[in-house]
Every structure is written in structure tokens, then in C-alpha cells.
Amino acid sequence: MWVFWVDAEYHVAVIGSPSGAAHVLSREMSLPPDRQRAVHEILAWNGYDVTRLRPARRK
């Protein structure tokens, strides 16, 4: 696993693996639009298929 990005406030982290799996970790239930754009840009720049991103199912 690689940590690609953590925002300045440590509220969002983007991690990925060599297999192509990517995960977005967030302290909040949803990401603000600017954070969503950042996540997509970071993953796309690192060669990940951002069309495969899906929201997590939280209980």
C-alpha cells in the first residue's frame, strides 16, 4: 500500500496498492467538492481508474 496524499488537517487520506485498488479514508461521511476533485486528480495522476470509485457503505 502507498499513501498518495493526506490533507493538511488530516481529515482525508488517499491510499493505493500495486494491484490497482484505491481507498479514500475520511473522518466525515462525505467529502466536500474540492476534496473530491483532489482525490480524483491524485488517483488519475498515479494511473488509477477513477471511474471505479464507489462510495463506501456506512452503517
C-alpha atoms as a PDB file:
ATOM      1  CA  MET A   1       0.000   0.000   0.000  1.00  0.00           C
ATOM      2  CA  TRP A   2       1.069   3.546  -0.743  1.00  0.00           C
ATOM      3  CA  VAL A   3      -0.161   6.726   0.859  1.00  0.00           C
ATOM      4  CA  PHE A   4      -0.580   9.194  -2.003  1.00  0.00           C
ATOM      5  CA  TRP A   5      -1.999  12.151  -0.142  1.00  0.00           C
ATOM      6  CA  VAL A   6      -3.170  13.368   3.264  1.00  0.00           C
ATOM      7  CA  ASP A   7      -4.820  16.772   3.514  1.00  0.00           C
ATOM      8  CA  ALA A   8      -3.350  19.434   5.784  1.00  0.00           C
ATOM      9  CA  GLU A   9      -5.929  18.845   8.533  1.00  0.00           C
ATOM     10  CA  TYR A  10      -5.584  15.030   8.414  1.00  0.00           C
ATOM     11  CA  HIS A  11      -9.265  14.633   7.518  1.00  0.00           C
ATOM     12  CA  VAL A  12      -8.749  12.830   4.191  1.00  0.00           C
ATOM     13  CA  ALA A  13      -6.180  10.287   3.035  1.00  0.00           C
ATOM     14  CA  VAL A  14      -5.785   8.575  -0.336  1.00  0.00           C
ATOM     15  CA  ILE A  15      -4.086   5.186  -0.454  1.00  0.00           C
ATOM     16  CA  GLY A  16      -3.478   2.745  -3.281  1.00  0.00           C
ATOM     17  CA  SER A  17      -1.951  -0.627  -3.966  1.00  0.00           C
ATOM     18  CA  PRO A  18       0.048  -2.107  -6.846  1.00  0.00           C
ATOM     19  CA  SER A  19      -2.994  -4.245  -7.741  1.00  0.00           C
ATOM     20  CA  GLY A  20      -4.923  -1.108  -8.717  1.00  0.00           C
ATOM     21  CA  ALA A  21      -7.119  -0.919  -5.633  1.00  0.00           C
ATOM     22  CA  ALA A  22      -7.546   2.548  -4.169  1.00  0.00           C
ATOM     23  CA  HIS A  23      -9.163   3.746  -0.971  1.00  0.00           C
ATOM     24  CA  VAL A  24     -10.165   7.145   0.312  1.00  0.00           C
ATOM     25  CA  LEU A  25     -10.251   7.479   4.079  1.00  0.00           C
ATOM     26  CA  SER A  26     -12.237  10.339   5.557  1.00  0.00           C
ATOM     27  CA  ARG A  27     -13.280  11.440   9.012  1.00  0.00           C
ATOM     28  CA  GLU A  28     -16.531  12.801   7.551  1.00  0.00           C
ATOM     29  CA  MET A  29     -19.445  10.956   5.939  1.00  0.00           C
ATOM     30  CA  SER A  30     -18.974  12.855   2.672  1.00  0.00           C
ATOM     31  CA  LEU A  31     -16.215  14.828   1.013  1.00  0.00           C
ATOM     32  CA  PRO A  32     -16.558  18.483   0.030  1.00  0.00           C
ATOM     33  CA  PRO A  33     -16.357  19.059  -3.753  1.00  0.00           C
ATOM     34  CA  ASP A  34     -12.808  20.444  -3.578  1.00  0.00           C
ATOM     35  CA  ARG A  35     -11.591  17.338  -1.739  1.00  0.00           C
ATOM     36  CA  GLN A  36     -13.401  15.065  -4.222  1.00  0.00           C
ATOM     37  CA  ARG A  37     -11.635  16.821  -7.102  1.00  0.00           C
ATOM     38  CA  ALA A  38      -8.285  16.490  -5.327  1.00  0.00           C
ATOM     39  CA  VAL A  39      -8.824  12.764  -4.740  1.00  0.00           C
ATOM     40  CA  HIS A  40      -9.743  12.170  -8.394  1.00  0.00           C
ATOM     41  CA  GLU A  41      -6.793  14.199  -9.680  1.00  0.00           C
ATOM     42  CA  ILE A  42      -4.310  12.426  -7.403  1.00  0.00           C
ATOM     43  CA  LEU A  43      -5.554   8.952  -8.290  1.00  0.00           C
ATOM     44  CA  ALA A  44      -5.751   9.708 -12.026  1.00  0.00           C
ATOM     45  CA  TRP A  45      -2.240  11.192 -11.992  1.00  0.00           C
ATOM     46  CA  ASN A  46      -0.987   7.971 -10.389  1.00  0.00           C
ATOM     47  CA  GLY A  47      -2.649   5.834 -13.086  1.00  0.00           C
ATOM     48  CA  TYR A  48      -5.747   4.682 -11.215  1.00  0.00           C
ATOM     49  CA  ASP A  49      -9.139   4.317 -12.911  1.00  0.00           C
ATOM     50  CA  VAL A  50     -11.254   6.866 -11.022  1.00  0.00           C
ATOM     51  CA  THR A  51     -14.438   5.619 -12.726  1.00  0.00           C
ATOM     52  CA  ARG A  52     -14.210   2.600 -10.426  1.00  0.00           C
ATOM     53  CA  LEU A  53     -14.502   4.698  -7.249  1.00  0.00           C
ATOM     54  CA  ARG A  54     -17.677   3.982  -5.304  1.00  0.00           C
ATOM     55  CA  PRO A  55     -18.969   5.479  -2.052  1.00  0.00           C
ATOM     56  CA  ALA A  56     -18.475   3.305   0.994  1.00  0.00           C
ATOM     57  CA  ARG A  57     -21.496   1.790   2.642  1.00  0.00           C
ATOM     58  CA  ARG A  58     -21.582   3.051   6.196  1.00  0.00           C
ATOM     59  CA  LYS A  59     -23.956   1.886   8.870  1.00  0.00           C
END
